[in-house]
Amino acid sequence: MRLRGTMEIGSQGHLFIGGCDTVDLARRYGTPLYIIDEEHLRARCRRYREAFARADNAEVIYAGKAFLTTAICRVIEEEGLSLDVASGGELHTALRAGFPPSRIYFHGNNKSPAEIRMALEAGIHRFMVDNLYELELISRATQATGRKAHICLRLTPGIEAHTHKYIMTGQIDSKFGFPIETGQALEGVRQALASPGIELHGLHCHIGSQIFETAPFAAAARAVLEFARVAYQATGWVPEEINLGGGLGVYYVEGDTPPSIEDYANTIIEAVSETASELGMKVPRILVEPGRSIVSPAGTTLYTVGAVKEIRGVRTYVTVDGGMGDNLRPALYQARYEAAIANKMHDLPACTVTIAGKYCESGDILVWDAGLPLPEPGDILAIPCTGAYNYAMAMNYNRFPRPAVITVYRGQPDVIVMRESYEDLIRNDVIPARLQREETRSRAVRA
């Protein structure tokens, strides 16, 4: 397993993160346990901010869908990044954390009237508008609230990045955005300019996630700017800003070769500058929305090993006390991970095993064919790079409580999400009066 961030191996062969012994953390807080290496998270925020600093008035916006809690909002704010949210729940989280509304961008392909009104009343900075129906809803809401909506239009530029089909979003056949090729993007510009209460500031696109090449980002920048010129010729409108979304890949397993944050930034800055110059346009303000590439490498999940089942001549399954309920990505789109035994970091690999979860699904496999020291019940298993889309997608399937989340920072662990209890699982359950009466009668009959 490749060490990341502040990871190091202690003298006893234990994995340390943020100056904390992960074996001790597992004993103290229980497992499964999400750990966020706060120092590494902050460092990646700073790398992004510094990489885009040479562009005129660029802005880095953290994609909250990757992982969002009130504490993470505070870290993102302190590091000088803005925040994008994709639901009323994410917006509520940000507002409760005290995140400045003037630095919040609101995404989503089907915002409800209630979400739109909530965002307007909070005074968010931008709506990323996905379709004509949303434009109409926002315009109506501005009349009802007396507030102006500042928007960008999300475009689908027709660029297919090389990634899993479930996380491709830039192709024409996508649920997201106004397609450029069909003429709907230009229709969106015209409608936005004509809509009461709406001010159109820029254009947005996002071509996918976990992308290992910089060329698609340059192509996306060119496509958006070329469309901007078409829009100017048709309407006289010029975008102040273009937002190129996120999508930069990260290292999960051997063979993954993501570009550096600096290479990604340089590619985008140069593509925007050169294309604008070629088209005779003023260089617009550049915005980007990284999520996974900021928080994923900062996250590690700890599990306790349970049953070790050898099927002679076939496979050895090592079962842990979590699985698809706290990491849906392998089941959802065949995501791959590395693993290590946190209490045996000095031991050499002695076997090849498959790490299975405890959920009642055959597809509940976290890692296939992991080379590990001999695993035993009670060992602490660590899976790194789980900061993005793990807690964010966590669920209560099989009525399992969701894990706790802690940050570690220079030897100090802090809980930022409490572990759910069994009582939490039934907190919103209701037994109708009809069933309660039947239960009373049944007891009376049995008596």
Protein backbone atom coordinates (compact mmCIF):
# COMPACT_ATOMS: atom_id res chain seq x y z
CA MET A 1 0.00 0.00 0.00
CA ARG A 2 1.35 3.41 -0.96
CA LEU A 3 1.65 5.81 1.99
CA ARG A 4 -0.11 9.13 1.54
CA GLY A 5 -0.09 12.47 3.33
CA THR A 6 1.13 12.15 6.92
CA MET A 7 1.03 8.34 6.91
CA GLU A 8 4.05 6.63 8.49
CA ILE A 9 4.92 3.31 10.06
CA GLY A 10 5.70 3.25 13.77
CA SER A 11 8.36 1.17 15.50
CA GLN A 12 5.83 -1.54 16.40
CA GLY A 13 4.77 -1.88 12.79
CA HIS A 14 1.56 0.10 13.26
CA LEU A 15 0.18 2.53 10.68
CA PHE A 16 0.15 6.14 11.91
CA ILE A 17 -1.88 8.96 10.33
CA GLY A 18 -1.68 12.54 11.50
CA GLY A 19 0.63 11.47 14.32
CA CYS A 20 -1.99 9.00 15.64
CA ASP A 21 -1.66 5.21 15.89
CA THR A 22 -4.51 3.80 13.80
CA VAL A 23 -4.65 0.64 15.91
CA ASP A 24 -5.27 2.76 19.00
CA LEU A 25 -7.85 4.80 17.07
CA ALA A 26 -9.71 1.61 16.14
CA ARG A 27 -9.79 0.53 19.78
CA ARG A 28 -10.87 3.97 21.01
CA TYR A 29 -13.53 4.83 18.43
CA GLY A 30 -14.52 1.41 17.08
CA THR A 31 -14.70 0.22 13.51
CA PRO A 32 -15.60 0.76 10.76
CA LEU A 33 -14.03 4.18 11.17
CA TYR A 34 -13.43 6.93 8.63
CA ILE A 35 -10.25 8.93 9.26
CA ILE A 36 -9.53 12.29 7.59
CA ASP A 37 -5.91 13.41 7.56
CA GLU A 38 -6.60 17.11 8.11
CA GLU A 39 -3.07 18.26 7.38
CA HIS A 40 -3.11 16.45 4.03
CA LEU A 41 -6.57 17.83 3.23
CA ARG A 42 -5.44 21.39 3.95
CA ALA A 43 -2.26 20.90 1.93
CA ARG A 44 -4.23 19.85 -1.14
CA CYS A 45 -6.54 22.84 -0.79
CA ARG A 46 -3.48 25.10 -0.74
CA ARG A 47 -1.90 23.39 -3.74
CA TYR A 48 -5.05 24.07 -5.75
CA ARG A 49 -5.24 27.68 -4.65
CA GLU A 50 -1.57 28.29 -5.41
CA ALA A 51 -1.69 26.44 -8.75
CA PHE A 52 -4.47 28.71 -10.04
CA ALA A 53 -3.04 31.88 -8.48
CA ARG A 54 -1.30 32.88 -11.72
CA ALA A 55 -4.65 33.13 -13.52
CA ASP A 56 -6.36 36.49 -13.21
CA ASN A 57 -8.92 36.29 -10.41
CA ALA A 58 -9.38 32.50 -10.62
CA GLU A 59 -11.49 30.71 -8.03
CA VAL A 60 -11.24 27.20 -6.63
CA ILE A 61 -14.58 25.81 -5.47
CA TYR A 62 -14.68 22.62 -3.40
CA ALA A 63 -17.25 20.12 -4.67
CA GLY A 64 -19.15 19.30 -1.49
CA LYS A 65 -20.81 16.18 -2.93
CA ALA A 66 -17.50 14.34 -2.46
CA PHE A 67 -17.63 14.71 1.32
CA LEU A 68 -19.40 17.36 3.35
CA THR A 69 -19.91 17.88 7.07
CA THR A 70 -20.07 21.05 9.13
CA ALA A 71 -16.44 20.58 10.23
CA ILE A 72 -15.27 20.07 6.64
CA CYS A 73 -17.07 23.29 5.69
CA ARG A 74 -14.98 25.10 8.31
CA VAL A 75 -11.73 23.66 6.94
CA ILE A 76 -12.64 24.58 3.36
CA GLU A 77 -13.55 28.12 4.42
CA GLU A 78 -10.32 28.55 6.39
CA GLU A 79 -8.28 27.44 3.38
CA GLY A 80 -9.85 30.13 1.21
CA LEU A 81 -11.88 27.92 -1.12
CA SER A 82 -15.47 28.45 -2.14
CA LEU A 83 -18.06 25.66 -1.97
CA ASP A 84 -20.45 24.00 -4.37
CA VAL A 85 -23.55 22.24 -3.09
CA ALA A 86 -25.91 19.95 -4.98
CA SER A 87 -28.95 19.75 -2.74
CA GLY A 88 -30.91 21.53 -0.06
CA GLY A 89 -29.29 19.23 2.50
CA GLU A 90 -25.78 20.21 1.43
CA LEU A 91 -26.79 23.87 1.42
CA HIS A 92 -28.29 23.51 4.91
CA THR A 93 -25.06 21.88 6.13
CA ALA A 94 -23.00 24.76 4.76
CA LEU A 95 -25.25 27.41 6.25
CA ARG A 96 -25.34 25.72 9.65
CA ALA A 97 -21.53 25.61 9.56
CA GLY A 98 -21.50 29.37 8.99
CA PHE A 99 -20.03 29.10 5.49
CA PRO A 100 -20.38 32.49 3.73
CA PRO A 101 -23.33 32.32 1.28
CA SER A 102 -21.41 34.73 -0.96
CA ARG A 103 -19.00 31.86 -1.69
CA ILE A 104 -21.62 29.12 -2.33
CA TYR A 105 -22.46 27.76 -5.79
CA PHE A 106 -25.65 25.68 -6.16
CA HIS A 107 -25.65 22.70 -8.55
CA GLY A 108 -28.22 20.04 -9.39
CA ASN A 109 -30.22 18.95 -12.43
CA ASN A 110 -33.64 19.08 -10.73
CA LYS A 111 -33.65 21.73 -8.01
CA SER A 112 -37.00 21.94 -6.27
CA PRO A 113 -38.88 25.23 -5.83
CA ALA A 114 -38.22 24.95 -2.08
CA GLU A 115 -34.46 24.51 -2.64
CA ILE A 116 -34.36 27.46 -5.04
CA ARG A 117 -36.20 29.71 -2.60
CA MET A 118 -33.95 28.57 0.25
CA ALA A 119 -30.86 29.45 -1.79
CA LEU A 120 -32.21 32.83 -2.86
CA GLU A 121 -33.16 33.79 0.69
CA ALA A 122 -29.72 32.72 1.91
CA GLY A 123 -28.07 34.96 -0.70
CA ILE A 124 -25.90 32.35 -2.43
CA HIS A 125 -23.42 33.51 -5.05
CA ARG A 126 -24.41 31.44 -8.12
CA PHE A 127 -26.96 28.99 -9.41
CA MET A 128 -25.56 26.53 -11.94
CA VAL A 129 -28.64 26.20 -14.13
CA ASP A 130 -29.21 22.87 -15.84
CA ASN A 131 -32.33 23.30 -17.98
CA LEU A 132 -35.08 25.64 -19.20
CA TYR A 133 -37.57 24.46 -16.58
CA GLU A 134 -35.12 25.44 -13.84
CA LEU A 135 -34.69 28.86 -15.44
CA GLU A 136 -38.44 29.34 -15.23
CA LEU A 137 -38.57 28.20 -11.59
CA ILE A 138 -35.74 30.54 -10.59
CA SER A 139 -37.30 33.48 -12.40
CA ARG A 140 -40.61 32.88 -10.61
CA ALA A 141 -38.82 32.61 -7.27
CA THR A 142 -37.06 35.94 -7.81
CA GLN A 143 -40.43 37.61 -8.28
CA ALA A 144 -41.77 36.00 -5.10
CA THR A 145 -38.73 36.86 -2.96
CA GLY A 146 -37.73 40.15 -4.50
CA ARG A 147 -34.16 38.86 -4.87
CA LYS A 148 -32.08 38.67 -8.03
CA ALA A 149 -30.61 35.31 -9.07
CA HIS A 150 -27.05 35.24 -10.39
CA ILE A 151 -26.50 32.25 -12.64
CA CYS A 152 -24.24 30.30 -14.94
CA LEU A 153 -25.56 27.86 -17.55
CA ARG A 154 -24.29 24.30 -17.41
CA LEU A 155 -23.37 23.05 -20.89
CA THR A 156 -22.70 19.58 -22.25
CA PRO A 157 -19.83 20.16 -24.67
CA GLY A 158 -19.86 16.73 -26.34
CA ILE A 159 -16.52 15.60 -24.90
CA GLU A 160 -16.25 12.00 -23.73
CA ALA A 161 -13.50 11.61 -21.14
CA HIS A 162 -11.96 8.16 -20.69
CA THR A 163 -13.54 7.06 -17.43
CA HIS A 164 -16.33 4.78 -16.19
CA LYS A 165 -19.62 5.44 -18.01
CA TYR A 166 -21.38 6.16 -14.70
CA ILE A 167 -19.09 9.15 -14.06
CA MET A 168 -18.98 10.55 -17.60
CA THR A 169 -21.00 13.76 -17.80
CA GLY A 170 -19.69 15.79 -20.76
CA GLN A 171 -21.10 13.70 -23.62
CA ILE A 172 -24.24 14.86 -25.46
CA ASP A 173 -26.34 11.96 -24.15
CA SER A 174 -26.27 13.06 -20.51
CA LYS A 175 -28.89 14.00 -17.94
CA PHE A 176 -26.83 17.12 -17.16
CA GLY A 177 -26.79 20.47 -18.88
CA PHE A 178 -27.68 22.22 -22.14
CA PRO A 179 -26.16 20.43 -25.17
CA ILE A 180 -24.15 22.74 -27.42
CA GLU A 181 -24.44 20.65 -30.59
CA THR A 182 -28.26 20.55 -30.64
CA GLY A 183 -28.69 24.31 -30.28
CA GLN A 184 -30.24 24.02 -26.83
CA ALA A 185 -27.33 25.82 -25.17
CA LEU A 186 -27.89 28.90 -27.32
CA GLU A 187 -31.60 28.71 -26.55
CA GLY A 188 -30.66 28.64 -22.87
CA VAL A 189 -28.59 31.81 -23.21
CA ARG A 190 -31.44 33.62 -24.97
CA GLN A 191 -33.96 32.52 -22.35
CA ALA A 192 -31.66 33.48 -19.46
CA LEU A 193 -31.09 36.95 -20.89
CA ALA A 194 -34.85 37.42 -21.28
CA SER A 195 -35.86 36.04 -17.87
CA PRO A 196 -36.94 38.61 -15.24
CA GLY A 197 -34.90 38.57 -12.05
CA ILE A 198 -32.01 36.63 -13.58
CA GLU A 199 -28.49 37.85 -14.34
CA LEU A 200 -26.37 35.55 -16.51
CA HIS A 201 -22.68 35.67 -15.60
CA GLY A 202 -21.02 32.70 -17.23
CA LEU A 203 -20.88 29.18 -18.58
CA HIS A 204 -20.14 25.90 -16.85
CA CYS A 205 -19.22 22.39 -17.93
CA HIS A 206 -18.10 19.21 -16.23
CA ILE A 207 -16.89 16.33 -18.40
CA GLY A 208 -16.59 13.54 -15.84
CA SER A 209 -14.61 12.22 -12.89
CA GLN A 210 -11.40 10.29 -12.25
CA ILE A 211 -9.76 11.57 -15.45
CA PHE A 212 -6.06 10.79 -15.97
CA GLU A 213 -5.34 13.07 -18.94
CA THR A 214 -5.22 16.85 -19.19
CA ALA A 215 -6.15 17.05 -22.89
CA PRO A 216 -9.92 16.61 -22.29
CA PHE A 217 -9.90 19.62 -19.95
CA ALA A 218 -8.22 21.74 -22.62
CA ALA A 219 -10.76 20.50 -25.17
CA ALA A 220 -13.61 21.39 -22.83
CA ALA A 221 -12.23 24.91 -22.33
CA ARG A 222 -11.99 25.37 -26.10
CA ALA A 223 -15.51 24.06 -26.68
CA VAL A 224 -17.03 26.38 -24.09
CA LEU A 225 -15.17 29.43 -25.40
CA GLU A 226 -16.08 28.64 -28.99
CA PHE A 227 -19.69 28.46 -27.91
CA ALA A 228 -19.28 31.75 -26.05
CA ARG A 229 -18.26 33.39 -29.33
CA VAL A 230 -21.33 31.94 -31.06
CA ALA A 231 -23.51 33.23 -28.23
CA TYR A 232 -21.93 36.69 -28.53
CA GLN A 233 -22.56 36.80 -32.26
CA ALA A 234 -26.19 35.78 -31.72
CA THR A 235 -27.03 37.87 -28.65
CA GLY A 236 -24.22 40.30 -27.87
CA TRP A 237 -23.70 38.64 -24.47
CA VAL A 238 -20.14 37.96 -23.26
CA PRO A 239 -19.43 35.60 -20.33
CA GLU A 240 -17.51 37.06 -17.40
CA GLU A 241 -16.48 33.61 -16.22
CA ILE A 242 -16.20 30.01 -17.31
CA ASN A 243 -16.37 27.18 -14.84
CA LEU A 244 -14.70 23.95 -16.00
CA GLY A 245 -15.93 21.78 -13.14
CA GLY A 246 -13.72 19.13 -11.58
CA GLY A 247 -12.80 15.60 -12.58
CA LEU A 248 -9.06 15.33 -11.95
CA GLY A 249 -8.24 11.72 -11.07
CA VAL A 250 -6.36 10.44 -8.04
CA TYR A 251 -4.17 7.44 -7.33
CA TYR A 252 -6.10 4.47 -5.94
CA VAL A 253 -4.08 1.46 -7.10
CA GLU A 254 -0.89 0.61 -8.95
CA GLY A 255 -1.21 1.70 -12.58
CA ASP A 256 -3.17 4.86 -11.82
CA THR A 257 -1.25 7.84 -13.22
CA PRO A 258 -3.13 11.06 -12.51
CA PRO A 259 -1.64 14.40 -13.56
CA SER A 260 -0.47 16.69 -10.80
CA ILE A 261 -2.68 19.52 -9.59
CA GLU A 262 -0.13 21.91 -11.08
CA ASP A 263 -0.22 20.26 -14.53
CA TYR A 264 -4.02 20.32 -14.46
CA ALA A 265 -4.05 24.04 -13.57
CA ASN A 266 -1.46 24.95 -16.17
CA THR A 267 -3.37 23.10 -18.88
CA ILE A 268 -6.61 24.90 -18.11
CA ILE A 269 -5.04 28.36 -17.73
CA GLU A 270 -3.13 28.04 -21.00
CA ALA A 271 -6.09 26.60 -22.91
CA VAL A 272 -8.39 29.41 -21.81
CA SER A 273 -5.82 32.12 -22.51
CA GLU A 274 -4.78 30.79 -25.92
CA THR A 275 -8.33 30.07 -27.10
CA ALA A 276 -9.62 33.46 -26.01
CA SER A 277 -6.75 35.13 -27.84
CA GLU A 278 -7.41 33.13 -31.02
CA LEU A 279 -11.10 34.04 -30.92
CA GLY A 280 -10.44 37.70 -30.18
CA MET A 281 -12.16 37.52 -26.82
CA LYS A 282 -11.33 38.92 -23.42
CA VAL A 283 -9.97 36.17 -21.18
CA PRO A 284 -12.76 35.27 -18.77
CA ARG A 285 -12.37 34.51 -15.09
CA ILE A 286 -11.57 30.81 -14.53
CA LEU A 287 -13.40 28.68 -11.98
CA VAL A 288 -12.82 25.00 -11.16
CA GLU A 289 -14.62 22.61 -8.82
CA PRO A 290 -12.33 19.86 -7.49
CA GLY A 291 -13.77 17.45 -4.96
CA ARG A 292 -12.32 13.94 -5.12
CA SER A 293 -8.81 15.19 -5.88
CA ILE A 294 -8.86 17.30 -2.69
CA VAL A 295 -10.43 14.98 -0.14
CA SER A 296 -10.07 11.42 -1.40
CA PRO A 297 -6.32 11.02 -0.67
CA ALA A 298 -6.90 12.45 2.83
CA GLY A 299 -9.31 9.66 3.82
CA THR A 300 -8.66 6.17 5.19
CA THR A 301 -11.18 3.63 6.45
CA LEU A 302 -10.35 1.20 9.25
CA TYR A 303 -12.07 -2.17 9.68
CA THR A 304 -11.72 -5.10 12.06
CA VAL A 305 -11.10 -8.49 10.48
CA GLY A 306 -13.62 -11.19 11.36
CA ALA A 307 -14.01 -14.53 9.60
CA VAL A 308 -11.20 -15.74 7.33
CA LYS A 309 -12.67 -18.31 4.95
CA GLU A 310 -10.46 -20.39 2.68
CA ILE A 311 -12.08 -22.15 -0.24
CA ARG A 312 -9.31 -24.60 -1.13
CA GLY A 313 -7.98 -24.12 -4.63
CA VAL A 314 -10.30 -21.20 -5.27
CA ARG A 315 -10.03 -18.14 -3.01
CA THR A 316 -9.58 -16.90 0.54
CA TYR A 317 -12.15 -14.42 1.80
CA VAL A 318 -11.23 -12.04 4.60
CA THR A 319 -14.41 -10.57 6.03
CA VAL A 320 -14.47 -7.17 7.72
CA ASP A 321 -17.08 -5.43 9.83
CA GLY A 322 -18.11 -2.97 7.13
CA GLY A 323 -18.48 -3.12 3.37
CA MET A 324 -20.76 -1.69 0.72
CA GLY A 325 -22.74 0.30 3.29
CA ASP A 326 -19.70 2.50 4.01
CA ASN A 327 -18.02 2.15 0.59
CA LEU A 328 -20.46 1.65 -2.26
CA ARG A 329 -17.98 2.48 -5.01
CA PRO A 330 -16.67 -1.05 -5.75
CA ALA A 331 -20.23 -2.41 -6.11
CA LEU A 332 -21.48 0.67 -7.98
CA TYR A 333 -18.75 1.04 -10.60
CA GLN A 334 -16.05 -1.52 -9.91
CA ALA A 335 -13.76 0.91 -8.11
CA ARG A 336 -10.43 -0.56 -7.00
CA TYR A 337 -8.50 0.01 -3.77
CA GLU A 338 -5.32 -0.97 -2.01
CA ALA A 339 -5.32 -2.37 1.52
CA ALA A 340 -2.97 -3.03 4.41
CA ILE A 341 -3.11 -4.59 7.86
CA ALA A 342 -2.55 -1.61 10.10
CA ASN A 343 -1.04 -3.66 12.95
CA LYS A 344 1.34 -5.61 10.66
CA MET A 345 2.91 -2.93 8.47
CA HIS A 346 6.40 -4.43 8.89
CA ASP A 347 5.24 -7.88 7.74
CA LEU A 348 5.71 -8.92 4.11
CA PRO A 349 2.78 -10.10 1.99
CA ALA A 350 2.20 -13.80 2.60
CA CYS A 351 -1.06 -14.49 0.78
CA THR A 352 -3.53 -13.17 -1.77
CA VAL A 353 -7.01 -12.65 -0.39
CA THR A 354 -10.32 -11.02 -1.26
CA ILE A 355 -11.67 -8.53 1.27
CA ALA A 356 -15.40 -9.00 1.70
CA GLY A 357 -17.95 -6.98 3.60
CA LYS A 358 -20.64 -8.27 5.94
CA TYR A 359 -23.67 -7.08 3.97
CA CYS A 360 -26.11 -9.63 2.58
CA GLU A 361 -25.02 -9.25 -1.05
CA SER A 362 -22.62 -11.37 -3.11
CA GLY A 363 -21.34 -8.15 -4.68
CA ASP A 364 -20.23 -6.79 -1.31
CA ILE A 365 -16.51 -7.02 -2.08
CA LEU A 366 -14.17 -4.18 -1.17
CA VAL A 367 -10.89 -5.42 -2.67
CA TRP A 368 -10.22 -8.38 -4.97
CA ASP A 369 -6.87 -10.18 -4.81
CA ALA A 370 -5.05 -8.12 -2.19
CA GLY A 371 -1.55 -9.20 -1.23
CA LEU A 372 -1.42 -9.08 2.59
CA PRO A 373 0.43 -10.53 5.55
CA LEU A 374 -1.41 -13.51 6.98
CA PRO A 375 -4.72 -12.00 8.22
CA GLU A 376 -6.24 -13.07 11.51
CA PRO A 377 -9.50 -12.23 13.28
CA GLY A 378 -9.04 -9.02 15.25
CA ASP A 379 -6.51 -7.48 12.86
CA ILE A 380 -7.15 -3.88 11.82
CA LEU A 381 -7.47 -3.49 8.07
CA ALA A 382 -6.83 -0.09 6.47
CA ILE A 383 -8.13 0.97 3.06
CA PRO A 384 -6.71 4.35 1.96
CA CYS A 385 -8.04 7.01 -0.41
CA THR A 386 -11.59 6.76 0.91
CA GLY A 387 -12.19 10.43 1.61
CA ALA A 388 -14.49 10.97 -1.39
CA TYR A 389 -17.83 9.29 -2.06
CA ASN A 390 -17.54 6.90 0.89
CA TYR A 391 -19.21 8.63 3.83
CA ALA A 392 -21.09 10.73 1.27
CA MET A 393 -22.74 7.57 -0.12
CA ALA A 394 -22.97 5.63 3.15
CA MET A 395 -26.28 3.92 3.85
CA ASN A 396 -28.17 1.82 6.37
CA TYR A 397 -28.72 -1.29 4.24
CA ASN A 398 -29.32 -4.35 6.46
CA ARG A 399 -29.96 -1.81 9.23
CA PHE A 400 -26.29 -1.21 9.87
CA PRO A 401 -25.49 2.09 11.61
CA ARG A 402 -23.21 4.40 9.65
CA PRO A 403 -19.63 4.74 10.95
CA ALA A 404 -18.10 7.61 12.85
CA VAL A 405 -15.78 10.09 11.13
CA ILE A 406 -12.75 11.58 12.85
CA THR A 407 -10.06 14.01 11.82
CA VAL A 408 -6.46 13.55 12.90
CA TYR A 409 -4.15 16.55 13.04
CA ARG A 410 -0.67 16.62 14.56
CA GLY A 411 -1.42 13.90 17.07
CA GLN A 412 -4.93 15.11 17.94
CA PRO A 413 -7.99 13.04 16.94
CA ASP A 414 -11.41 14.70 16.89
CA VAL A 415 -14.83 13.27 16.15
CA ILE A 416 -16.60 15.23 13.38
CA VAL A 417 -19.46 12.76 12.83
CA MET A 418 -20.71 10.57 15.66
CA ARG A 419 -21.26 6.86 15.08
CA GLU A 420 -24.90 6.02 14.57
CA SER A 421 -26.58 3.81 17.15
CA TYR A 422 -29.33 1.21 16.77
CA GLU A 423 -31.67 3.77 18.27
CA ASP A 424 -30.73 6.19 15.51
CA LEU A 425 -31.87 3.58 12.98
CA ILE A 426 -35.43 3.57 14.31
CA ARG A 427 -35.61 7.22 15.32
CA ASN A 428 -37.95 8.08 12.43
CA ASP A 429 -39.89 4.80 12.38
CA VAL A 430 -43.59 5.06 13.19
CA ILE A 431 -46.03 2.26 14.08
CA PRO A 432 -49.50 3.34 12.91
CA ALA A 433 -52.27 3.34 15.51
CA ARG A 434 -54.05 0.58 13.55
CA LEU A 435 -51.11 -1.76 14.04
CA GLN A 436 -50.75 -0.77 17.67
CA ARG A 437 -54.41 -1.67 18.29
CA GLU A 438 -54.01 -5.00 16.52
CA GLU A 439 -50.96 -5.76 18.61
CA THR A 440 -52.97 -4.99 21.78
CA ARG A 441 -55.83 -7.28 20.68
CA SER A 442 -53.39 -10.06 19.76
CA ARG A 443 -51.84 -9.87 23.19
CA ALA A 444 -55.27 -10.00 24.79
CA VAL A 445 -56.22 -13.08 22.77
CA ARG A 446 -52.96 -14.83 23.63
CA ALA A 447 -53.52 -14.06 27.31
